[in-house]
Amino acid sequence: MNFVFDLDGTICFKGVPVSTRINETLKELEEAGHTVIFASARPIRDLLPVLDEYFHQHTLIGGNGALISEKRKITYARNFSLDQIEYIKILITEHKATYLIDGEWDYSYTGSADHPILQNLDPQKRAANISLTDHPSIVKVLILSAEDKDGLLQKLSDLDVVIHMHGGEDVIDISPTGIHKLAAMQRLTGDYVAFGNDANDIQLFKGACRSIMIGYHAELSEYADESISLEGDYEEKIVQKLRGLSEEYRVIEV
């Protein structure tokens, strides 16, 4: 069976890398004949710091499905069209917006030096902060601040893109249309068990043969088959769930 894991808030917490205990259990899954895949909102470069080196060669889905890496090489990237990027650039100038914009590997950042998003931005300096005009392609745009943000949102709605608002950080998240984790999974494999914790896992859960929600998210809960609460020793609960599912799906596949 394929096991697909979101990262932040699902198997790693508060920006800390996946723990030794969970890493060892993921390796047990593979020893039992299962396949382990990771699917995150992070771009590929920012998945690597929270994953054990052993998993860097595995299939990694980044940018909520905009990027796929296999055996340490990006094998798929869904980018904005040139016309879309030119229009976004115009809006950035008009609204004096600050941003984090991701290419396939490098990025462009113009936000403040103390913005919370910097906590997870290329902590191992694997990429470069380059000029917006130097990207050969762009896969994700985050607007961090802007004058008349409501007006900016209205203008962005004219584009054929996917827009999410991250309320806690007051960030506008813009992706090419058709981007979500399920679309990436459909390019890769068949049946899978999914672990997730947030709204960006809804499509992933819809396509899963089994879905496990970590913690609680009202929208995601409608698509979760079961959940694990973030109370007590929740890592041990995750470990025990993985071991149980490993045995269950090994029997079914036989």
Protein backbone atom coordinates (compact mmCIF):
# COMPACT_ATOMS: atom_id res chain seq x y z
CA MET A 1 0.00 0.00 0.00
CA ASN A 2 1.05 3.59 -0.57
CA PHE A 3 1.13 5.78 2.55
CA VAL A 4 1.03 9.54 1.91
CA PHE A 5 1.93 12.02 4.65
CA ASP A 6 1.47 15.73 4.99
CA LEU A 7 4.26 17.16 7.16
CA ASP A 8 3.56 20.24 9.29
CA GLY A 9 1.03 19.45 11.99
CA THR A 10 0.72 15.85 10.80
CA ILE A 11 4.04 14.04 11.43
CA CYS A 12 6.23 17.01 12.37
CA PHE A 13 5.27 19.78 14.73
CA LYS A 14 6.19 23.42 15.45
CA GLY A 15 8.75 23.49 12.64
CA VAL A 16 10.81 20.73 14.26
CA PRO A 17 11.99 17.87 11.97
CA VAL A 18 10.16 14.54 11.99
CA SER A 19 11.14 12.74 15.18
CA THR A 20 13.35 9.66 15.37
CA ARG A 21 10.39 7.65 16.65
CA ILE A 22 8.20 8.45 13.66
CA ASN A 23 11.10 8.13 11.20
CA GLU A 24 11.81 4.61 12.42
CA THR A 25 8.14 3.68 12.08
CA LEU A 26 8.08 4.99 8.51
CA LYS A 27 11.06 2.78 7.75
CA GLU A 28 9.17 -0.15 9.28
CA LEU A 29 6.37 0.51 6.79
CA GLU A 30 8.83 0.14 3.94
CA GLU A 31 10.33 -3.00 5.42
CA ALA A 32 6.80 -4.44 5.44
CA GLY A 33 6.52 -3.77 1.70
CA HIS A 34 4.66 -0.45 1.73
CA THR A 35 5.62 2.77 -0.08
CA VAL A 36 6.10 6.08 1.78
CA ILE A 37 5.34 9.41 0.03
CA PHE A 38 5.37 12.94 1.46
CA ALA A 39 3.01 15.71 0.31
CA SER A 40 3.34 19.23 1.70
CA ALA A 41 2.53 22.86 1.04
CA ARG A 42 6.27 23.48 1.34
CA PRO A 43 8.32 23.67 -1.85
CA ILE A 44 10.71 20.74 -2.30
CA ARG A 45 13.74 22.60 -0.93
CA ASP A 46 11.86 23.27 2.33
CA LEU A 47 10.67 19.68 2.77
CA LEU A 48 14.25 18.45 3.02
CA PRO A 49 15.21 20.13 6.34
CA VAL A 50 12.38 18.39 8.24
CA LEU A 51 12.94 14.96 6.67
CA ASP A 52 15.62 12.45 7.57
CA GLU A 53 18.32 12.26 4.87
CA TYR A 54 17.17 8.70 4.18
CA PHE A 55 13.87 10.03 2.77
CA HIS A 56 15.32 12.70 0.48
CA GLN A 57 15.38 10.25 -2.43
CA HIS A 58 11.73 9.32 -1.92
CA THR A 59 8.80 10.73 -3.85
CA LEU A 60 8.14 14.23 -2.51
CA ILE A 61 5.15 16.38 -3.47
CA GLY A 62 5.70 20.09 -2.84
CA GLY A 63 3.72 23.28 -3.21
CA ASN A 64 0.46 21.40 -2.54
CA GLY A 65 0.97 19.46 -5.78
CA ALA A 66 2.80 21.98 -7.97
CA LEU A 67 6.09 20.08 -7.68
CA ILE A 68 7.09 16.42 -7.65
CA SER A 69 10.58 15.21 -6.80
CA GLU A 70 11.73 11.62 -7.35
CA LYS A 71 15.20 10.31 -6.49
CA ARG A 72 16.36 13.86 -5.64
CA LYS A 73 15.28 15.30 -8.98
CA ILE A 74 12.25 17.48 -9.76
CA THR A 75 10.32 15.47 -12.33
CA TYR A 76 7.18 17.62 -12.56
CA ALA A 77 6.41 21.31 -12.13
CA ARG A 78 3.15 23.13 -12.79
CA ASN A 79 3.85 26.81 -13.31
CA PHE A 80 1.89 29.99 -14.03
CA SER A 81 1.65 31.18 -17.62
CA LEU A 82 3.79 34.15 -18.67
CA ASP A 83 0.66 36.29 -19.04
CA GLN A 84 -0.49 35.42 -15.53
CA ILE A 85 2.89 36.30 -14.04
CA GLU A 86 3.05 39.60 -15.92
CA TYR A 87 -0.39 40.54 -14.57
CA ILE A 88 0.58 39.53 -11.03
CA LYS A 89 3.72 41.69 -11.32
CA ILE A 90 1.57 44.65 -12.34
CA LEU A 91 -0.71 44.12 -9.34
CA ILE A 92 2.27 43.83 -7.00
CA THR A 93 3.52 47.21 -8.20
CA GLU A 94 0.09 48.86 -8.08
CA HIS A 95 -0.61 47.67 -4.54
CA LYS A 96 2.96 48.01 -3.22
CA ALA A 97 2.83 44.37 -2.20
CA THR A 98 5.52 42.34 -0.49
CA TYR A 99 5.80 38.68 -1.40
CA LEU A 100 7.40 35.27 -1.29
CA ILE A 101 7.46 33.84 -4.80
CA ASP A 102 8.73 30.34 -5.54
CA GLY A 103 10.30 28.99 -8.69
CA GLU A 104 11.08 25.30 -8.98
CA TRP A 105 13.97 25.74 -6.53
CA ASP A 106 14.98 29.35 -5.90
CA TYR A 107 12.69 32.06 -4.53
CA SER A 108 12.12 35.81 -4.34
CA TYR A 109 11.35 37.42 -0.97
CA THR A 110 10.59 41.07 -0.22
CA GLY A 111 8.83 40.79 3.14
CA SER A 112 9.98 42.03 6.51
CA ALA A 113 12.98 40.55 8.29
CA ASP A 114 10.78 39.29 11.13
CA HIS A 115 7.89 37.78 9.18
CA PRO A 116 6.85 34.37 10.65
CA ILE A 117 7.13 32.73 7.24
CA LEU A 118 10.92 33.09 7.43
CA GLN A 119 11.02 30.38 10.11
CA ASN A 120 10.55 27.71 7.43
CA LEU A 121 12.08 29.49 4.43
CA ASP A 122 15.21 27.70 3.20
CA PRO A 123 16.79 27.28 6.66
CA GLN A 124 19.68 25.22 5.25
CA LYS A 125 20.47 27.76 2.51
CA ARG A 126 19.94 25.25 -0.29
CA ALA A 127 18.48 27.90 -2.62
CA ALA A 128 18.96 31.58 -3.45
CA ASN A 129 16.83 34.68 -3.05
CA ILE A 130 16.88 35.93 -6.63
CA SER A 131 15.25 38.73 -8.58
CA LEU A 132 11.68 38.08 -9.68
CA THR A 133 12.75 38.50 -13.30
CA ASP A 134 15.40 35.74 -13.02
CA HIS A 135 12.99 32.83 -12.51
CA PRO A 136 12.61 30.61 -15.60
CA SER A 137 9.19 29.61 -14.21
CA ILE A 138 7.08 30.37 -11.13
CA VAL A 139 4.93 27.83 -9.29
CA LYS A 140 3.62 29.70 -6.25
CA VAL A 141 2.97 33.27 -5.10
CA LEU A 142 2.37 34.40 -1.52
CA ILE A 143 1.35 38.03 -1.02
CA LEU A 144 2.50 38.97 2.49
CA SER A 145 1.30 42.57 2.65
CA ALA A 146 -0.33 45.05 0.32
CA GLU A 147 -2.17 48.34 0.13
CA ASP A 148 -5.92 47.76 -0.39
CA LYS A 149 -5.66 43.99 -0.05
CA ASP A 150 -9.37 43.55 -0.75
CA GLY A 151 -8.98 45.38 -4.04
CA LEU A 152 -5.97 43.23 -4.89
CA LEU A 153 -7.97 40.09 -4.18
CA GLN A 154 -10.75 41.29 -6.46
CA LYS A 155 -8.32 41.84 -9.33
CA LEU A 156 -6.65 38.47 -8.75
CA SER A 157 -10.06 36.82 -9.12
CA ASP A 158 -9.93 37.76 -12.81
CA LEU A 159 -7.14 35.22 -13.27
CA ASP A 160 -7.68 31.49 -13.74
CA VAL A 161 -5.76 30.63 -10.55
CA VAL A 162 -6.41 29.08 -7.14
CA ILE A 163 -6.47 31.57 -4.26
CA HIS A 164 -6.42 30.74 -0.55
CA MET A 165 -6.34 33.11 2.41
CA HIS A 166 -4.19 32.14 5.39
CA GLY A 167 -6.11 34.03 8.03
CA GLY A 168 -3.66 33.58 10.89
CA GLU A 169 -0.84 35.13 8.88
CA ASP A 170 -3.03 37.39 6.67
CA VAL A 171 -1.34 35.95 3.57
CA ILE A 172 -2.80 35.55 0.06
CA ASP A 173 -1.73 32.18 -1.38
CA ILE A 174 -1.91 31.94 -5.20
CA SER A 175 -1.31 28.74 -7.21
CA PRO A 176 -1.89 27.70 -10.83
CA THR A 177 -5.34 26.26 -11.44
CA GLY A 178 -5.82 22.52 -10.88
CA ILE A 179 -3.10 22.33 -8.24
CA HIS A 180 -3.77 20.12 -5.23
CA LYS A 181 -2.21 17.04 -3.67
CA LEU A 182 -4.68 14.62 -5.24
CA ALA A 183 -3.78 15.81 -8.75
CA ALA A 184 -0.14 15.04 -7.99
CA MET A 185 -1.00 11.61 -6.60
CA GLN A 186 -2.98 10.81 -9.73
CA ARG A 187 0.21 11.30 -11.73
CA LEU A 188 2.08 8.85 -9.54
CA THR A 189 0.30 5.83 -8.20
CA GLY A 190 -2.87 3.93 -7.32
CA ASP A 191 -4.59 3.39 -3.99
CA TYR A 192 -3.20 5.12 -0.92
CA VAL A 193 -3.72 5.81 2.77
CA ALA A 194 -3.53 9.54 3.60
CA PHE A 195 -2.50 11.37 6.76
CA GLY A 196 -3.22 15.11 6.98
CA ASN A 197 -4.34 17.94 9.23
CA ASP A 198 -5.57 20.95 7.25
CA ALA A 199 -7.84 22.20 4.47
CA ASN A 200 -5.14 21.67 1.84
CA ASP A 201 -5.48 17.92 2.53
CA ILE A 202 -9.18 17.77 1.59
CA GLN A 203 -8.61 16.72 -2.02
CA LEU A 204 -5.98 14.22 -0.88
CA PHE A 205 -8.50 12.69 1.54
CA LYS A 206 -11.18 12.55 -1.16
CA GLY A 207 -8.98 10.29 -3.28
CA ALA A 208 -7.73 8.07 -0.45
CA CYS A 209 -8.94 4.57 0.34
CA ARG A 210 -8.37 5.47 4.02
CA SER A 211 -7.86 8.92 5.56
CA ILE A 212 -6.57 9.80 9.03
CA MET A 213 -6.83 13.35 10.35
CA ILE A 214 -4.26 14.51 12.90
CA GLY A 215 -5.74 16.95 15.39
CA TYR A 216 -8.99 18.59 14.33
CA HIS A 217 -9.95 20.73 11.35
CA ALA A 218 -13.66 21.32 10.79
CA GLU A 219 -13.59 21.23 6.97
CA LEU A 220 -11.18 18.31 6.75
CA SER A 221 -13.11 16.29 9.31
CA GLU A 222 -15.94 15.80 6.80
CA TYR A 223 -13.59 13.69 4.67
CA ALA A 224 -11.65 11.87 7.40
CA ASP A 225 -12.34 8.21 8.14
CA GLU A 226 -10.77 8.57 11.57
CA SER A 227 -8.68 10.99 13.62
CA ILE A 228 -5.88 11.13 16.17
CA SER A 229 -6.11 13.85 18.80
CA LEU A 230 -3.11 16.03 19.62
CA GLU A 231 -3.38 15.26 23.30
CA GLY A 232 -1.00 13.30 25.50
CA ASP A 233 1.66 11.30 23.71
CA TYR A 234 0.21 11.86 20.24
CA GLU A 235 3.37 10.67 18.50
CA GLU A 236 2.92 7.26 20.11
CA LYS A 237 -0.70 7.24 18.90
CA ILE A 238 0.53 7.91 15.36
CA VAL A 239 3.15 5.16 15.63
CA GLN A 240 0.60 2.62 16.83
CA LYS A 241 -1.85 3.61 14.09
CA LEU A 242 0.84 3.17 11.44
CA ARG A 243 1.81 -0.25 12.74
CA GLY A 244 -1.82 -1.34 12.79
CA LEU A 245 -2.45 -0.10 9.25
CA SER A 246 0.76 -1.71 8.05
CA GLU A 247 -0.44 -5.09 9.21
CA GLU A 248 -4.01 -4.52 8.03
CA TYR A 249 -3.08 -3.57 4.48
CA ARG A 250 -0.37 -6.19 4.19
CA VAL A 251 -3.04 -8.86 4.91
CA ILE A 252 -5.48 -7.29 2.43
CA GLU A 253 -2.89 -7.14 -0.36
CA VAL A 254 -1.96 -10.80 0.13
